[in-house]
């Protein structure tokens, strides 16, 4: 019986195939070893504690309608930090964009959500932004323009914001500025916690302004349209110590 001999592949072909195989293996190893992204939020982590432990029954309830409402508008942030990646300061005129350290949502959305949560808890009211509400209920719109949102690892987290409270159905408006610098230790968790603490300080000032305006409106007329209505001044200590750093 005779067998036909198959042609032997060229040596160059064998070397090329081995190279391609080795390159594919290296690329696969690199993909497996690439660092995963970490996501941060400015919201409180108290709600997340319910996710651990045994499940408990939750009953739905409807809160009584508050005497007045708030409306927290979308918040503007500087363009250089309006991205999902954390942007940290490496010098007075230099920043670094961190690809693996990211916000859970865009910084403007993170700030608006955290501010809304803090205000509704402090004031015992409801944020009705994007929601219909009764024509007879006073509404106070909170607007904020973040002019500086600086992250200095191992040093401080700074928020410089101009904000206003306005009676939606009146002419009363209060415009203030808050500059808060929170010292932070090393690590990006500490940096995010610093921004959370700074924002909470601003939320306290905004809440005091809303309360002052609502109290003045109740004395001077509905939603600030009555005779003798006086717009309260900005809360004291709006600019925090060390804000110029």
Protein backbone atom coordinates (compact mmCIF):
# COMPACT_ATOMS: atom_id res chain seq x y z
CA UNK A 1 0.00 0.00 0.00
CA UNK A 2 1.35 3.43 -0.89
CA UNK A 3 0.77 6.64 1.07
CA UNK A 4 0.96 10.12 -0.37
CA UNK A 5 3.26 12.44 1.56
CA UNK A 6 1.66 15.77 2.44
CA UNK A 7 3.71 18.87 1.71
CA UNK A 8 5.51 20.28 4.76
CA UNK A 9 4.50 23.87 5.61
CA UNK A 10 7.24 26.47 5.24
CA UNK A 11 9.28 27.30 8.33
CA UNK A 12 8.26 30.96 8.10
CA UNK A 13 4.60 29.98 8.32
CA UNK A 14 5.25 27.96 11.47
CA UNK A 15 7.16 30.78 13.11
CA UNK A 16 4.41 33.27 12.17
CA UNK A 17 1.69 31.05 13.62
CA UNK A 18 3.65 30.62 16.85
CA UNK A 19 4.14 34.41 17.11
CA UNK A 20 0.46 35.10 16.57
CA UNK A 21 -0.48 32.52 19.19
CA UNK A 22 1.93 33.96 21.73
CA UNK A 23 0.70 37.51 21.06
CA UNK A 24 -2.92 36.44 21.52
CA UNK A 25 -1.99 34.81 24.83
CA UNK A 26 -0.26 37.97 26.05
CA UNK A 27 -3.24 40.13 25.09
CA UNK A 28 -5.60 37.80 26.93
CA UNK A 29 -3.43 37.95 30.05
CA UNK A 30 -3.29 41.74 29.87
CA UNK A 31 -7.07 41.95 29.57
CA UNK A 32 -7.53 39.73 32.61
CA UNK A 33 -5.03 41.69 34.69
CA UNK A 34 -6.28 45.22 33.80
CA UNK A 35 -7.53 47.11 36.90
CA UNK A 36 -11.28 47.42 37.33
CA UNK A 37 -12.97 50.79 37.80
CA UNK A 38 -14.19 51.96 41.20
CA UNK A 39 -17.34 54.09 41.47
CA UNK A 40 -18.11 56.78 44.06
CA UNK A 41 -21.23 58.70 45.04
CA UNK A 42 -21.92 61.80 47.12
CA UNK A 43 -25.14 60.32 48.45
CA UNK A 44 -25.45 59.08 52.01
CA UNK A 45 -24.65 55.42 52.59
CA UNK A 46 -27.31 55.06 55.29
CA UNK A 47 -29.82 53.69 52.80
CA UNK A 48 -27.37 51.04 51.72
CA UNK A 49 -27.25 49.50 55.19
CA UNK A 50 -30.69 48.01 54.59
CA UNK A 51 -29.20 45.81 51.91
CA UNK A 52 -27.35 43.74 54.50
CA UNK A 53 -28.71 41.41 57.15
CA UNK A 54 -32.06 39.68 57.17
CA UNK A 55 -34.84 41.02 55.01
CA UNK A 56 -37.53 42.90 56.90
CA UNK A 57 -41.06 43.63 55.68
CA UNK A 58 -41.52 47.15 54.36
CA UNK A 59 -44.89 48.84 54.49
CA UNK A 60 -45.78 51.68 52.15
CA UNK A 61 -47.03 54.89 53.71
CA UNK A 62 -47.97 58.34 52.49
CA UNK A 63 -46.61 61.32 54.40
CA UNK A 64 -48.83 64.29 55.16
CA UNK A 65 -48.61 67.12 52.63
CA UNK A 66 -46.08 69.71 53.86
CA UNK A 67 -47.00 73.38 54.18
CA UNK A 68 -44.54 74.32 51.44
CA UNK A 69 -42.35 72.53 48.92
CA UNK A 70 -38.89 72.89 47.42
CA UNK A 71 -37.69 72.47 43.85
CA UNK A 72 -33.97 71.69 43.44
CA UNK A 73 -32.98 72.59 39.90
CA UNK A 74 -30.20 70.85 37.91
CA UNK A 75 -26.76 71.99 39.04
CA UNK A 76 -23.96 73.33 36.86
CA UNK A 77 -20.33 72.40 37.55
CA UNK A 78 -17.10 73.59 35.88
CA UNK A 79 -16.55 71.92 32.47
CA UNK A 80 -13.19 70.44 33.48
CA UNK A 81 -14.82 68.27 36.17
CA UNK A 82 -18.12 67.58 34.37
CA UNK A 83 -17.17 63.99 33.53
CA UNK A 84 -17.51 60.56 35.07
CA UNK A 85 -13.81 60.28 35.90
CA UNK A 86 -12.50 61.86 39.09
CA UNK A 87 -10.38 64.91 38.28
CA UNK A 88 -7.76 65.67 40.93
CA UNK A 89 -5.46 68.64 41.31
CA UNK A 90 -1.75 67.93 40.98
CA UNK A 91 -0.79 71.60 41.15
CA UNK A 92 -2.26 75.11 40.92
CA UNK A 93 -2.58 74.83 37.14
CA UNK A 94 -2.47 71.06 36.58
CA UNK A 95 -5.05 68.30 36.95
CA UNK A 96 -5.08 64.54 36.45
CA UNK A 97 -8.04 62.58 35.06
CA UNK A 98 -8.33 59.20 36.81
CA UNK A 99 -9.69 56.54 34.47
CA UNK A 100 -10.22 53.88 37.16
CA UNK A 101 -11.75 56.23 39.77
CA UNK A 102 -15.22 57.28 38.60
CA UNK A 103 -18.41 58.92 39.82
CA UNK A 104 -21.55 56.76 39.78
CA UNK A 105 -23.19 59.55 37.75
CA UNK A 106 -22.02 62.92 36.47
CA UNK A 107 -20.88 65.27 39.27
CA UNK A 108 -23.73 67.73 38.67
CA UNK A 109 -26.26 64.92 39.12
CA UNK A 110 -24.43 63.61 42.19
CA UNK A 111 -24.49 67.07 43.81
CA UNK A 112 -28.16 67.70 42.98
CA UNK A 113 -29.27 64.33 44.34
CA UNK A 114 -27.27 64.70 47.57
CA UNK A 115 -28.44 68.29 48.08
CA UNK A 116 -32.08 67.32 47.48
CA UNK A 117 -31.87 64.45 49.96
CA UNK A 118 -30.29 66.62 52.64
CA UNK A 119 -32.77 69.48 52.22
CA UNK A 120 -35.87 67.30 52.24
CA UNK A 121 -34.65 65.56 55.41
CA UNK A 122 -33.77 68.81 57.18
CA UNK A 123 -36.91 70.68 56.17
CA UNK A 124 -39.41 67.85 56.32
CA UNK A 125 -40.68 68.66 52.84
CA UNK A 126 -40.66 67.26 49.29
CA UNK A 127 -38.52 68.05 46.26
CA UNK A 128 -41.07 68.46 43.43
CA UNK A 129 -38.64 69.10 40.58
CA UNK A 130 -40.16 67.55 37.45
CA UNK A 131 -43.37 66.73 39.35
CA UNK A 132 -46.78 68.39 39.34
CA UNK A 133 -47.84 70.14 42.55
CA UNK A 134 -50.91 72.08 43.80
CA UNK A 135 -51.27 75.70 42.73
CA UNK A 136 -52.13 76.67 46.29
CA UNK A 137 -48.89 75.41 47.85
CA UNK A 138 -45.86 77.67 48.18
CA UNK A 139 -42.77 76.39 46.36
CA UNK A 140 -39.19 77.57 46.84
CA UNK A 141 -36.77 76.89 44.01
CA UNK A 142 -33.15 76.17 44.91
CA UNK A 143 -30.61 76.85 42.16
CA UNK A 144 -26.87 76.32 42.41
CA UNK A 145 -23.87 77.07 40.23
CA UNK A 146 -20.71 75.31 41.42
CA UNK A 147 -17.84 77.55 40.39
CA UNK A 148 -15.04 75.42 41.86
CA UNK A 149 -15.04 71.71 42.65
CA UNK A 150 -11.44 70.96 43.57
CA UNK A 151 -10.01 67.65 44.73
CA UNK A 152 -6.56 67.76 46.33
CA UNK A 153 -5.57 64.21 47.41
CA UNK A 154 -4.16 64.12 50.92
CA UNK A 155 -4.94 67.82 51.42
CA UNK A 156 -8.50 69.10 51.03
CA UNK A 157 -11.75 68.98 49.06
CA UNK A 158 -13.17 72.37 48.11
CA UNK A 159 -16.61 73.45 46.87
CA UNK A 160 -17.23 77.07 45.88
CA UNK A 161 -20.89 77.57 44.96
CA UNK A 162 -23.24 80.45 44.26
CA UNK A 163 -26.82 79.51 45.10
CA UNK A 164 -30.22 81.11 45.32
CA UNK A 165 -33.63 80.51 46.85
CA UNK A 166 -36.61 81.99 45.02
CA UNK A 167 -40.32 81.93 45.72
CA UNK A 168 -41.79 80.36 42.55
CA UNK A 169 -45.02 82.37 42.73
CA UNK A 170 -43.51 85.55 44.12
CA UNK A 171 -40.73 88.03 43.55
CA UNK A 172 -38.68 87.22 46.63
CA UNK A 173 -35.20 85.88 45.88
CA UNK A 174 -32.05 85.40 47.95
CA UNK A 175 -28.63 84.85 46.36
CA UNK A 176 -25.66 83.72 48.45
CA UNK A 177 -22.22 82.20 48.09
CA UNK A 178 -20.76 79.30 50.05
CA UNK A 179 -17.07 78.34 50.00
CA UNK A 180 -16.21 75.26 52.03
CA UNK A 181 -12.83 73.53 52.26
CA UNK A 182 -12.69 70.19 54.07
CA UNK A 183 -9.31 68.66 55.05
CA UNK A 184 -8.82 65.08 53.85
CA UNK A 185 -6.34 62.29 54.43
CA UNK A 186 -4.82 60.14 51.71
CA UNK A 187 -6.89 57.96 49.42
CA UNK A 188 -9.81 58.62 47.10
CA UNK A 189 -12.43 57.44 49.62
CA UNK A 190 -11.31 60.22 51.95
CA UNK A 191 -11.44 62.71 49.10
CA UNK A 192 -15.04 61.80 48.24
CA UNK A 193 -15.99 61.92 51.93
CA UNK A 194 -14.47 65.41 52.07
CA UNK A 195 -16.71 66.56 49.22
CA UNK A 196 -19.70 64.95 50.93
CA UNK A 197 -18.95 66.84 54.17
CA UNK A 198 -18.43 70.12 52.30
CA UNK A 199 -21.73 69.72 50.47
CA UNK A 200 -23.52 68.95 53.73
CA UNK A 201 -22.22 72.24 55.17
CA UNK A 202 -23.63 74.07 52.16
CA UNK A 203 -26.94 72.20 52.48
CA UNK A 204 -27.23 73.45 56.07
CA UNK A 205 -26.87 77.03 54.84
CA UNK A 206 -29.40 76.54 52.04
CA UNK A 207 -31.88 74.96 54.45
CA UNK A 208 -31.55 77.93 56.81
CA UNK A 209 -32.20 80.29 53.88
CA UNK A 210 -35.32 78.39 52.80
CA UNK A 211 -36.64 78.38 56.36
CA UNK A 212 -35.99 82.10 56.68
CA UNK A 213 -37.76 82.88 53.45
CA UNK A 214 -40.74 80.68 54.32
CA UNK A 215 -41.02 82.31 57.75
CA UNK A 216 -40.86 85.80 56.25
CA UNK A 217 -43.49 84.87 53.67
CA UNK A 218 -45.87 83.66 56.37
CA UNK A 219 -45.62 87.07 58.06
CA UNK A 220 -45.66 89.24 54.96
CA UNK A 221 -48.01 87.37 52.66
CA UNK A 222 -48.34 84.21 50.65
CA UNK A 223 -45.03 83.19 49.01
CA UNK A 224 -43.54 86.62 49.53
CA UNK A 225 -46.16 88.69 47.69
CA UNK A 226 -47.68 90.42 50.71
CA UNK A 227 -47.01 93.95 51.90
CA UNK A 228 -44.08 94.26 54.26
CA UNK A 229 -42.29 91.09 53.08
CA UNK A 230 -38.57 91.31 53.79
CA UNK A 231 -36.13 88.93 52.13
CA UNK A 232 -33.88 87.47 54.85
CA UNK A 233 -30.14 87.96 54.54
CA UNK A 234 -27.76 85.14 53.67
CA UNK A 235 -27.02 82.82 56.60
CA UNK A 236 -23.95 83.76 58.60
CA UNK A 237 -20.64 81.89 58.23
CA UNK A 238 -21.37 80.99 54.63
CA UNK A 239 -17.71 81.24 53.73
CA UNK A 240 -15.89 78.58 55.76
CA UNK A 241 -12.54 79.13 57.38
CA UNK A 242 -9.63 78.19 55.17
CA UNK A 243 -11.67 78.51 52.01
CA UNK A 244 -9.00 80.52 50.29
CA UNK A 245 -6.59 77.58 50.12
